[in-house]
Amino acid sequence: ASSGRTPYVLGGLEYARSIGCTTVGVVCVQPSAIA
């Protein structure tokens, strides 16, 4: 998510992390909602 705040991506990261998957975020802003 270039903006670091795309809801679709935020939801996917939250779900994957909650079940123990390794997660990586790729953004082009700082700070970001993903962070």
All heavy atoms as atom14 arrays in JSON, in Angstrom:
{
  "sequence": "ASSGRTPYVLGGLEYARSIGCTTVGVVCVQPSAIA",
  "atom14_mask": [
    [1, 1, 1, 1, 1, 0, 0, 0, 0, 0, 0, 0, 0, 0],
    [1, 1, 1, 1, 1, 1, 0, 0, 0, 0, 0, 0, 0, 0],
    [1, 1, 1, 1, 1, 1, 0, 0, 0, 0, 0, 0, 0, 0],
    [1, 1, 1, 1, 0, 0, 0, 0, 0, 0, 0, 0, 0, 0],
    [1, 1, 1, 1, 1, 1, 1, 1, 1, 1, 1, 0, 0, 0],
    [1, 1, 1, 1, 1, 1, 1, 0, 0, 0, 0, 0, 0, 0],
    [1, 1, 1, 1, 1, 1, 1, 0, 0, 0, 0, 0, 0, 0],
    [1, 1, 1, 1, 1, 1, 1, 1, 1, 1, 1, 1, 0, 0],
    [1, 1, 1, 1, 1, 1, 1, 0, 0, 0, 0, 0, 0, 0],
    [1, 1, 1, 1, 1, 1, 1, 1, 0, 0, 0, 0, 0, 0],
    [1, 1, 1, 1, 0, 0, 0, 0, 0, 0, 0, 0, 0, 0],
    [1, 1, 1, 1, 0, 0, 0, 0, 0, 0, 0, 0, 0, 0],
    [1, 1, 1, 1, 1, 1, 1, 1, 0, 0, 0, 0, 0, 0],
    [1, 1, 1, 1, 1, 1, 1, 1, 1, 0, 0, 0, 0, 0],
    [1, 1, 1, 1, 1, 1, 1, 1, 1, 1, 1, 1, 0, 0],
    [1, 1, 1, 1, 1, 0, 0, 0, 0, 0, 0, 0, 0, 0],
    [1, 1, 1, 1, 1, 1, 1, 1, 1, 1, 1, 0, 0, 0],
    [1, 1, 1, 1, 1, 1, 0, 0, 0, 0, 0, 0, 0, 0],
    [1, 1, 1, 1, 1, 1, 1, 1, 0, 0, 0, 0, 0, 0],
    [1, 1, 1, 1, 0, 0, 0, 0, 0, 0, 0, 0, 0, 0],
    [1, 1, 1, 1, 1, 1, 0, 0, 0, 0, 0, 0, 0, 0],
    [1, 1, 1, 1, 1, 1, 1, 0, 0, 0, 0, 0, 0, 0],
    [1, 1, 1, 1, 1, 1, 1, 0, 0, 0, 0, 0, 0, 0],
    [1, 1, 1, 1, 1, 1, 1, 0, 0, 0, 0, 0, 0, 0],
    [1, 1, 1, 1, 0, 0, 0, 0, 0, 0, 0, 0, 0, 0],
    [1, 1, 1, 1, 1, 1, 1, 0, 0, 0, 0, 0, 0, 0],
    [1, 1, 1, 1, 1, 1, 1, 0, 0, 0, 0, 0, 0, 0],
    [1, 1, 1, 1, 1, 1, 0, 0, 0, 0, 0, 0, 0, 0],
    [1, 1, 1, 1, 1, 1, 1, 0, 0, 0, 0, 0, 0, 0],
    [1, 1, 1, 1, 1, 1, 1, 1, 1, 0, 0, 0, 0, 0],
    [1, 1, 1, 1, 1, 1, 1, 0, 0, 0, 0, 0, 0, 0],
    [1, 1, 1, 1, 1, 1, 0, 0, 0, 0, 0, 0, 0, 0],
    [1, 1, 1, 1, 1, 0, 0, 0, 0, 0, 0, 0, 0, 0],
    [1, 1, 1, 1, 1, 1, 1, 1, 0, 0, 0, 0, 0, 0],
    [1, 1, 1, 1, 1, 0, 0, 0, 0, 0, 0, 0, 0, 0]
  ],
  "atom14_positions": [
    [[0.86, -1.19, 0.0], [0.0, 0.0, 0.0], [0.89, 1.23, 0.0], [1.5, 1.55, 1.02], [-0.92, 0.0, 1.22], [0.0, 0.0, 0.0], [0.0, 0.0, 0.0], [0.0, 0.0, 0.0], [0.0, 0.0, 0.0], [0.0, 0.0, 0.0], [0.0, 0.0, 0.0], [0.0, 0.0, 0.0], [0.0, 0.0, 0.0], [0.0, 0.0, 0.0]],
    [[0.98, 1.91, -1.12], [1.83, 3.11, -1.2], [1.48, 4.1, -0.11], [2.35, 4.7, 0.52], [1.69, 3.77, -2.59], [2.18, 2.93, -3.6], [0.0, 0.0, 0.0], [0.0, 0.0, 0.0], [0.0, 0.0, 0.0], [0.0, 0.0, 0.0], [0.0, 0.0, 0.0], [0.0, 0.0, 0.0], [0.0, 0.0, 0.0], [0.0, 0.0, 0.0]],
    [[0.19, 4.26, 0.13], [-0.27, 5.22, 1.13], [-0.1, 4.71, 2.55], [-0.21, 5.47, 3.52], [-1.75, 5.54, 0.9], [-2.55, 4.39, 1.17], [0.0, 0.0, 0.0], [0.0, 0.0, 0.0], [0.0, 0.0, 0.0], [0.0, 0.0, 0.0], [0.0, 0.0, 0.0], [0.0, 0.0, 0.0], [0.0, 0.0, 0.0], [0.0, 0.0, 0.0]],
    [[0.12, 3.4, 2.7], [0.27, 2.8, 4.02], [-1.02, 2.71, 4.8], [-1.0, 2.39, 6.0], [0.0, 0.0, 0.0], [0.0, 0.0, 0.0], [0.0, 0.0, 0.0], [0.0, 0.0, 0.0], [0.0, 0.0, 0.0], [0.0, 0.0, 0.0], [0.0, 0.0, 0.0], [0.0, 0.0, 0.0], [0.0, 0.0, 0.0], [0.0, 0.0, 0.0]],
    [[-2.19, 3.0, 4.14], [-3.44, 3.04, 4.9], [-4.6, 2.32, 4.19], [-5.74, 2.41, 4.62], [-3.86, 4.51, 5.13], [-3.97, 5.3, 3.83], [-4.87, 6.51, 3.92], [-6.23, 6.14, 4.21], [-7.12, 5.69, 3.31], [-6.76, 5.52, 2.04], [-8.35, 5.39, 3.66], [0.0, 0.0, 0.0], [0.0, 0.0, 0.0], [0.0, 0.0, 0.0]],
    [[-4.36, 1.6, 3.12], [-5.44, 0.95, 2.37], [-6.17, -0.05, 3.26], [-5.55, -1.01, 3.74], [-4.87, 0.23, 1.13], [-4.09, 1.16, 0.38], [-5.99, -0.33, 0.28], [0.0, 0.0, 0.0], [0.0, 0.0, 0.0], [0.0, 0.0, 0.0], [0.0, 0.0, 0.0], [0.0, 0.0, 0.0], [0.0, 0.0, 0.0], [0.0, 0.0, 0.0]],
    [[-7.48, 0.11, 3.5], [-8.21, -0.79, 4.41], [-8.1, -2.27, 4.03], [-7.96, -3.13, 4.9], [-9.66, -0.28, 4.31], [-9.51, 1.17, 3.96], [-8.33, 1.25, 3.05], [0.0, 0.0, 0.0], [0.0, 0.0, 0.0], [0.0, 0.0, 0.0], [0.0, 0.0, 0.0], [0.0, 0.0, 0.0], [0.0, 0.0, 0.0], [0.0, 0.0, 0.0]],
    [[-8.17, -2.56, 2.73], [-8.07, -3.95, 2.27], [-6.75, -4.58, 2.73], [-6.71, -5.71, 3.21], [-8.17, -3.99, 0.75], [-8.08, -5.36, 0.12], [-9.16, -6.24, 0.13], [-6.91, -5.77, -0.52], [-9.07, -7.49, -0.47], [-6.81, -7.01, -1.12], [-7.9, -7.88, -1.08], [-7.81, -9.12, -1.67], [0.0, 0.0, 0.0], [0.0, 0.0, 0.0]],
    [[-5.68, -3.82, 2.63], [-4.35, -4.32, 3.03], [-4.24, -4.38, 4.54], [-3.7, -5.36, 5.1], [-3.26, -3.43, 2.42], [-1.88, -3.87, 2.91], [-3.32, -3.48, 0.9], [0.0, 0.0, 0.0], [0.0, 0.0, 0.0], [0.0, 0.0, 0.0], [0.0, 0.0, 0.0], [0.0, 0.0, 0.0], [0.0, 0.0, 0.0], [0.0, 0.0, 0.0]],
    [[-4.74, -3.38, 5.22], [-4.71, -3.38, 6.7], [-5.44, -4.6, 7.25], [-4.96, -5.26, 8.18], [-5.34, -2.09, 7.24], [-4.58, -0.79, 6.98], [-5.44, 0.4, 7.41], [-3.25, -0.78, 7.71], [0.0, 0.0, 0.0], [0.0, 0.0, 0.0], [0.0, 0.0, 0.0], [0.0, 0.0, 0.0], [0.0, 0.0, 0.0], [0.0, 0.0, 0.0]],
    [[-6.6, -4.9, 6.67], [-7.37, -6.05, 7.13], [-6.66, -7.36, 6.87], [-6.68, -8.27, 7.71], [0.0, 0.0, 0.0], [0.0, 0.0, 0.0], [0.0, 0.0, 0.0], [0.0, 0.0, 0.0], [0.0, 0.0, 0.0], [0.0, 0.0, 0.0], [0.0, 0.0, 0.0], [0.0, 0.0, 0.0], [0.0, 0.0, 0.0], [0.0, 0.0, 0.0]],
    [[-6.0, -7.47, 5.72], [-5.27, -8.69, 5.4], [-4.1, -8.92, 6.32], [-3.86, -10.04, 6.79], [0.0, 0.0, 0.0], [0.0, 0.0, 0.0], [0.0, 0.0, 0.0], [0.0, 0.0, 0.0], [0.0, 0.0, 0.0], [0.0, 0.0, 0.0], [0.0, 0.0, 0.0], [0.0, 0.0, 0.0], [0.0, 0.0, 0.0], [0.0, 0.0, 0.0]],
    [[-3.34, -7.86, 6.61], [-2.21, -7.99, 7.54], [-2.67, -8.36, 8.94], [-2.05, -9.2, 9.61], [-1.42, -6.67, 7.57], [-0.58, -6.35, 6.32], [-0.09, -4.91, 6.37], [0.6, -7.31, 6.2], [0.0, 0.0, 0.0], [0.0, 0.0, 0.0], [0.0, 0.0, 0.0], [0.0, 0.0, 0.0], [0.0, 0.0, 0.0], [0.0, 0.0, 0.0]],
    [[-3.75, -7.73, 9.39], [-4.27, -8.03, 10.72], [-4.68, -9.5, 10.83], [-4.34, -10.18, 11.8], [-5.47, -7.13, 11.03], [-6.09, -7.41, 12.41], [-7.32, -6.58, 12.68], [-8.02, -6.21, 11.7], [-7.61, -6.31, 13.86], [0.0, 0.0, 0.0], [0.0, 0.0, 0.0], [0.0, 0.0, 0.0], [0.0, 0.0, 0.0], [0.0, 0.0, 0.0]],
    [[-5.39, -10.0, 9.82], [-5.86, -11.39, 9.84], [-4.68, -12.37, 9.78], [-4.6, -13.32, 10.57], [-6.81, -11.63, 8.67], [-7.21, -13.08, 8.51], [-7.81, -13.78, 9.56], [-6.98, -13.76, 7.31], [-8.18, -15.12, 9.42], [-7.35, -15.08, 7.16], [-7.94, -15.76, 8.22], [-8.3, -17.08, 8.08], [0.0, 0.0, 0.0], [0.0, 0.0, 0.0]],
    [[-3.75, -12.14, 8.86], [-2.63, -13.05, 8.7], [-1.77, -13.09, 9.97], [-1.35, -14.17, 10.41], [-1.78, -12.64, 7.5], [0.0, 0.0, 0.0], [0.0, 0.0, 0.0], [0.0, 0.0, 0.0], [0.0, 0.0, 0.0], [0.0, 0.0, 0.0], [0.0, 0.0, 0.0], [0.0, 0.0, 0.0], [0.0, 0.0, 0.0], [0.0, 0.0, 0.0]],
    [[-1.52, -11.94, 10.57], [-0.72, -11.89, 11.8], [-1.43, -12.59, 12.94], [-0.8, -13.27, 13.77], [-0.46, -10.42, 12.16], [0.46, -10.24, 13.38], [1.91, -10.24, 12.94], [2.85, -10.15, 14.05], [3.11, -9.04, 14.73], [2.48, -7.92, 14.44], [4.01, -9.05, 15.69], [0.0, 0.0, 0.0], [0.0, 0.0, 0.0], [0.0, 0.0, 0.0]],
    [[-2.76, -12.49, 12.99], [-3.52, -13.08, 14.1], [-3.45, -14.59, 14.11], [-3.63, -15.22, 15.15], [-4.99, -12.63, 14.04], [-5.67, -13.26, 12.96], [0.0, 0.0, 0.0], [0.0, 0.0, 0.0], [0.0, 0.0, 0.0], [0.0, 0.0, 0.0], [0.0, 0.0, 0.0], [0.0, 0.0, 0.0], [0.0, 0.0, 0.0], [0.0, 0.0, 0.0]],
    [[-3.2, -15.21, 12.94], [-3.14, -16.67, 12.88], [-1.71, -17.18, 12.81], [-1.47, -18.37, 12.58], [-3.96, -17.23, 11.71], [-3.43, -16.75, 10.36], [-5.42, -16.87, 11.86], [-4.11, -17.4, 9.17], [0.0, 0.0, 0.0], [0.0, 0.0, 0.0], [0.0, 0.0, 0.0], [0.0, 0.0, 0.0], [0.0, 0.0, 0.0], [0.0, 0.0, 0.0]],
    [[-0.74, -16.29, 13.01], [0.65, -16.73, 13.11], [1.43, -16.74, 11.83], [2.51, -17.32, 11.77], [0.0, 0.0, 0.0], [0.0, 0.0, 0.0], [0.0, 0.0, 0.0], [0.0, 0.0, 0.0], [0.0, 0.0, 0.0], [0.0, 0.0, 0.0], [0.0, 0.0, 0.0], [0.0, 0.0, 0.0], [0.0, 0.0, 0.0], [0.0, 0.0, 0.0]],
    [[0.93, -16.09, 10.76], [1.69, -16.01, 9.51], [2.74, -14.89, 9.62], [2.53, -13.91, 10.33], [0.76, -15.7, 8.34], [-0.41, -17.02, 7.95], [0.0, 0.0, 0.0], [0.0, 0.0, 0.0], [0.0, 0.0, 0.0], [0.0, 0.0, 0.0], [0.0, 0.0, 0.0], [0.0, 0.0, 0.0], [0.0, 0.0, 0.0], [0.0, 0.0, 0.0]],
    [[3.84, -15.06, 8.92], [4.84, -13.99, 8.83], [4.32, -12.93, 7.87], [3.83, -13.24, 6.79], [6.17, -14.55, 8.31], [6.66, -15.53, 9.24], [7.21, -13.44, 8.18], [0.0, 0.0, 0.0], [0.0, 0.0, 0.0], [0.0, 0.0, 0.0], [0.0, 0.0, 0.0], [0.0, 0.0, 0.0], [0.0, 0.0, 0.0], [0.0, 0.0, 0.0]],
    [[4.41, -11.66, 8.27], [3.82, -10.58, 7.48], [4.86, -9.52, 7.14], [5.75, -9.22, 7.93], [2.66, -9.91, 8.24], [3.13, -9.5, 9.54], [1.49, -10.88, 8.41], [0.0, 0.0, 0.0], [0.0, 0.0, 0.0], [0.0, 0.0, 0.0], [0.0, 0.0, 0.0], [0.0, 0.0, 0.0], [0.0, 0.0, 0.0], [0.0, 0.0, 0.0]],
    [[4.72, -8.97, 5.92], [5.6, -7.9, 5.44], [4.73, -6.77, 4.9], [3.75, -7.02, 4.18], [6.52, -8.42, 4.31], [7.43, -7.3, 3.81], [7.34, -9.62, 4.78], [0.0, 0.0, 0.0], [0.0, 0.0, 0.0], [0.0, 0.0, 0.0], [0.0, 0.0, 0.0], [0.0, 0.0, 0.0], [0.0, 0.0, 0.0], [0.0, 0.0, 0.0]],
    [[5.06, -5.55, 5.25], [4.37, -4.39, 4.7], [5.3, -3.62, 3.78], [6.48, -3.45, 4.1], [0.0, 0.0, 0.0], [0.0, 0.0, 0.0], [0.0, 0.0, 0.0], [0.0, 0.0, 0.0], [0.0, 0.0, 0.0], [0.0, 0.0, 0.0], [0.0, 0.0, 0.0], [0.0, 0.0, 0.0], [0.0, 0.0, 0.0], [0.0, 0.0, 0.0]],
    [[4.79, -3.18, 2.63], [5.57, -2.36, 1.7], [4.8, -1.06, 1.49], [3.69, -1.07, 0.93], [5.79, -3.08, 0.36], [6.56, -2.16, -0.6], [6.56, -4.38, 0.57], [0.0, 0.0, 0.0], [0.0, 0.0, 0.0], [0.0, 0.0, 0.0], [0.0, 0.0, 0.0], [0.0, 0.0, 0.0], [0.0, 0.0, 0.0], [0.0, 0.0, 0.0]],
    [[5.35, 0.05, 1.97], [4.68, 1.35, 1.88], [5.66, 2.39, 1.37], [6.87, 2.15, 1.3], [4.13, 1.78, 3.26], [3.18, 0.72, 3.83], [5.26, 2.06, 4.24], [0.0, 0.0, 0.0], [0.0, 0.0, 0.0], [0.0, 0.0, 0.0], [0.0, 0.0, 0.0], [0.0, 0.0, 0.0], [0.0, 0.0, 0.0], [0.0, 0.0, 0.0]],
    [[5.12, 3.59, 1.02], [5.97, 4.67, 0.51], [5.79, 5.95, 1.31], [6.0, 7.06, 0.79], [5.67, 4.9, -0.98], [6.13, 3.5, -2.01], [0.0, 0.0, 0.0], [0.0, 0.0, 0.0], [0.0, 0.0, 0.0], [0.0, 0.0, 0.0], [0.0, 0.0, 0.0], [0.0, 0.0, 0.0], [0.0, 0.0, 0.0], [0.0, 0.0, 0.0]],
    [[5.35, 5.81, 2.55], [5.18, 6.96, 3.44], [5.71, 6.59, 4.82], [5.89, 5.42, 5.15], [3.69, 7.37, 3.56], [3.16, 7.86, 2.22], [2.85, 6.22, 4.09], [0.0, 0.0, 0.0], [0.0, 0.0, 0.0], [0.0, 0.0, 0.0], [0.0, 0.0, 0.0], [0.0, 0.0, 0.0], [0.0, 0.0, 0.0], [0.0, 0.0, 0.0]],
    [[5.95, 7.63, 5.6], [6.38, 7.42, 6.99], [6.02, 8.65, 7.81], [6.41, 9.77, 7.4], [7.89, 7.16, 7.03], [8.36, 6.51, 8.31], [9.84, 6.12, 8.19], [10.61, 6.82, 7.55], [10.22, 5.02, 8.78], [0.0, 0.0, 0.0], [0.0, 0.0, 0.0], [0.0, 0.0, 0.0], [0.0, 0.0, 0.0], [0.0, 0.0, 0.0]],
    [[5.23, 8.48, 8.9], [4.67, 7.23, 9.45], [3.52, 6.72, 8.58], [3.08, 7.39, 7.64], [4.19, 7.66, 10.83], [3.85, 9.11, 10.66], [4.85, 9.66, 9.68], [0.0, 0.0, 0.0], [0.0, 0.0, 0.0], [0.0, 0.0, 0.0], [0.0, 0.0, 0.0], [0.0, 0.0, 0.0], [0.0, 0.0, 0.0], [0.0, 0.0, 0.0]],
    [[3.01, 5.55, 8.94], [1.91, 4.96, 8.17], [0.96, 4.23, 9.1], [1.31, 3.87, 10.23], [2.47, 3.96, 7.15], [3.07, 2.86, 7.8], [0.0, 0.0, 0.0], [0.0, 0.0, 0.0], [0.0, 0.0, 0.0], [0.0, 0.0, 0.0], [0.0, 0.0, 0.0], [0.0, 0.0, 0.0], [0.0, 0.0, 0.0], [0.0, 0.0, 0.0]],
    [[-0.27, 4.01, 8.61], [-1.25, 3.27, 9.4], [-0.8, 1.82, 9.61], [-1.07, 1.22, 10.65], [-2.61, 3.29, 8.69], [0.0, 0.0, 0.0], [0.0, 0.0, 0.0], [0.0, 0.0, 0.0], [0.0, 0.0, 0.0], [0.0, 0.0, 0.0], [0.0, 0.0, 0.0], [0.0, 0.0, 0.0], [0.0, 0.0, 0.0], [0.0, 0.0, 0.0]],
    [[-0.1, 1.27, 8.62], [0.41, -0.11, 8.78], [1.39, -0.16, 9.95], [1.36, -1.09, 10.76], [1.07, -0.59, 7.47], [-0.02, -0.87, 6.42], [1.9, -1.84, 7.71], [0.52, -1.33, 5.08], [0.0, 0.0, 0.0], [0.0, 0.0, 0.0], [0.0, 0.0, 0.0], [0.0, 0.0, 0.0], [0.0, 0.0, 0.0], [0.0, 0.0, 0.0]],
    [[2.26, 0.84, 10.05], [3.2, 0.88, 11.17], [2.47, 1.05, 12.49], [2.78, 0.4, 13.49], [4.21, 2.01, 10.96], [0.0, 0.0, 0.0], [0.0, 0.0, 0.0], [0.0, 0.0, 0.0], [0.0, 0.0, 0.0], [0.0, 0.0, 0.0], [0.0, 0.0, 0.0], [0.0, 0.0, 0.0], [0.0, 0.0, 0.0], [0.0, 0.0, 0.0]]
  ]
}
